[in-house]
Amino acid sequence: MSTVAEAVREQLMATNESYKNLQEEHTRYAAELDKLAHKTYLNEDEKLQEVRLKKLKLRVKDEMERLVREQARIH
């Protein structure tokens, strides 16, 4: 069963270049975080990078959700 938000996300992926770019960015940050997560030990630079990536990923996700809410309000 698809929710309204899921339908809006699918529509945005098909029609909104900004949303697509944000999704790609989010995926890239997730992949980088995954690489770090598979390491046994993180040095100080990697720990800082992990925190930075988590913040960037969250910022992108928040922007994507803002676009979803905005689009859902229009329709």
C-alpha atoms as a PDB file:
ATOM      1  CA  MET A   1       0.000   0.000   0.000  1.00  0.00           C
ATOM      2  CA  SER A   2       1.430   3.350  -1.043  1.00  0.00           C
ATOM      3  CA  THR A   3       1.038   6.410   1.118  1.00  0.00           C
ATOM      4  CA  VAL A   4       0.553   9.906  -0.195  1.00  0.00           C
ATOM      5  CA  ALA A   5       4.143  10.780   0.763  1.00  0.00           C
ATOM      6  CA  GLU A   6       5.495   7.780  -1.150  1.00  0.00           C
ATOM      7  CA  ALA A   7       3.483   8.748  -4.218  1.00  0.00           C
ATOM      8  CA  VAL A   8       4.765  12.311  -3.994  1.00  0.00           C
ATOM      9  CA  ARG A   9       8.358  11.032  -3.653  1.00  0.00           C
ATOM     10  CA  GLU A  10       7.934   8.911  -6.784  1.00  0.00           C
ATOM     11  CA  GLN A  11       6.479  11.876  -8.669  1.00  0.00           C
ATOM     12  CA  LEU A  12       9.330  14.135  -7.554  1.00  0.00           C
ATOM     13  CA  MET A  13      11.937  11.557  -8.603  1.00  0.00           C
ATOM     14  CA  ALA A  14      10.362  11.458 -12.053  1.00  0.00           C
ATOM     15  CA  THR A  15       9.882  15.197 -12.531  1.00  0.00           C
ATOM     16  CA  ASN A  16      12.017  17.284 -10.181  1.00  0.00           C
ATOM     17  CA  GLU A  17      15.734  17.618 -10.958  1.00  0.00           C
ATOM     18  CA  SER A  18      16.504  19.158  -7.559  1.00  0.00           C
ATOM     19  CA  TYR A  19      14.885  16.241  -5.759  1.00  0.00           C
ATOM     20  CA  LYS A  20      16.804  13.752  -7.914  1.00  0.00           C
ATOM     21  CA  ASN A  21      20.073  15.530  -7.135  1.00  0.00           C
ATOM     22  CA  LEU A  22      19.290  15.490  -3.412  1.00  0.00           C
ATOM     23  CA  GLN A  23      18.502  11.763  -3.599  1.00  0.00           C
ATOM     24  CA  GLU A  24      21.832  11.108  -5.324  1.00  0.00           C
ATOM     25  CA  GLU A  25      23.634  13.172  -2.693  1.00  0.00           C
ATOM     26  CA  HIS A  26      21.869  11.266   0.099  1.00  0.00           C
ATOM     27  CA  THR A  27      22.835   7.943  -1.479  1.00  0.00           C
ATOM     28  CA  ARG A  28      26.452   9.062  -1.847  1.00  0.00           C
ATOM     29  CA  TYR A  29      26.653  10.087   1.831  1.00  0.00           C
ATOM     30  CA  ALA A  30      25.061   6.793   2.882  1.00  0.00           C
ATOM     31  CA  ALA A  31      27.634   4.844   0.856  1.00  0.00           C
ATOM     32  CA  GLU A  32      30.513   6.790   2.403  1.00  0.00           C
ATOM     33  CA  LEU A  33      29.094   6.187   5.883  1.00  0.00           C
ATOM     34  CA  ASP A  34      28.721   2.498   5.084  1.00  0.00           C
ATOM     35  CA  LYS A  35      32.410   2.301   4.152  1.00  0.00           C
ATOM     36  CA  LEU A  36      33.334   3.873   7.472  1.00  0.00           C
ATOM     37  CA  ALA A  37      30.967   1.558   9.356  1.00  0.00           C
ATOM     38  CA  HIS A  38      32.778  -1.495   8.001  1.00  0.00           C
ATOM     39  CA  LYS A  39      36.102  -0.382   9.413  1.00  0.00           C
ATOM     40  CA  THR A  40      37.218  -1.997  12.643  1.00  0.00           C
ATOM     41  CA  TYR A  41      38.729   1.212  13.931  1.00  0.00           C
ATOM     42  CA  LEU A  42      38.234   4.862  12.992  1.00  0.00           C
ATOM     43  CA  ASN A  43      41.057   7.318  13.472  1.00  0.00           C
ATOM     44  CA  GLU A  44      40.278  10.874  14.567  1.00  0.00           C
ATOM     45  CA  ASP A  45      39.936  12.194  10.998  1.00  0.00           C
ATOM     46  CA  GLU A  46      37.564   9.378  10.105  1.00  0.00           C
ATOM     47  CA  LYS A  47      35.490  10.027  13.224  1.00  0.00           C
ATOM     48  CA  LEU A  48      35.179  13.680  12.226  1.00  0.00           C
ATOM     49  CA  GLN A  49      34.321  12.663   8.672  1.00  0.00           C
ATOM     50  CA  GLU A  50      31.624  10.333  10.001  1.00  0.00           C
ATOM     51  CA  VAL A  51      30.013  13.113  12.044  1.00  0.00           C
ATOM     52  CA  ARG A  52      30.229  15.507   9.080  1.00  0.00           C
ATOM     53  CA  LEU A  53      28.666  12.944   6.712  1.00  0.00           C
ATOM     54  CA  LYS A  54      25.829  12.206   9.138  1.00  0.00           C
ATOM     55  CA  LYS A  55      25.021  15.910   9.390  1.00  0.00           C
ATOM     56  CA  LEU A  56      25.157  16.371   5.620  1.00  0.00           C
ATOM     57  CA  LYS A  57      22.983  13.315   5.055  1.00  0.00           C
ATOM     58  CA  LEU A  58      20.426  14.604   7.556  1.00  0.00           C
ATOM     59  CA  ARG A  59      20.436  18.074   5.972  1.00  0.00           C
ATOM     60  CA  VAL A  60      19.766  16.533   2.556  1.00  0.00           C
ATOM     61  CA  LYS A  61      17.006  14.296   3.951  1.00  0.00           C
ATOM     62  CA  ASP A  62      15.358  17.290   5.631  1.00  0.00           C
ATOM     63  CA  GLU A  63      15.407  19.200   2.337  1.00  0.00           C
ATOM     64  CA  MET A  64      13.932  16.227   0.490  1.00  0.00           C
ATOM     65  CA  GLU A  65      11.126  15.963   3.040  1.00  0.00           C
ATOM     66  CA  ARG A  66      10.492  19.698   2.766  1.00  0.00           C
ATOM     67  CA  LEU A  67      10.004  19.265  -0.985  1.00  0.00           C
ATOM     68  CA  VAL A  68       7.659  16.319  -0.380  1.00  0.00           C
ATOM     69  CA  ARG A  69       5.543  18.325   2.079  1.00  0.00           C
ATOM     70  CA  GLU A  70       5.470  21.312  -0.257  1.00  0.00           C
ATOM     71  CA  GLN A  71       4.419  19.164  -3.226  1.00  0.00           C
ATOM     72  CA  ALA A  72       1.798  17.282  -1.178  1.00  0.00           C
ATOM     73  CA  ARG A  73       0.267  20.577  -0.072  1.00  0.00           C
ATOM     74  CA  ILE A  74      -0.061  21.685  -3.701  1.00  0.00           C
ATOM     75  CA  HIS A  75      -1.876  18.488  -4.697  1.00  0.00           C
END
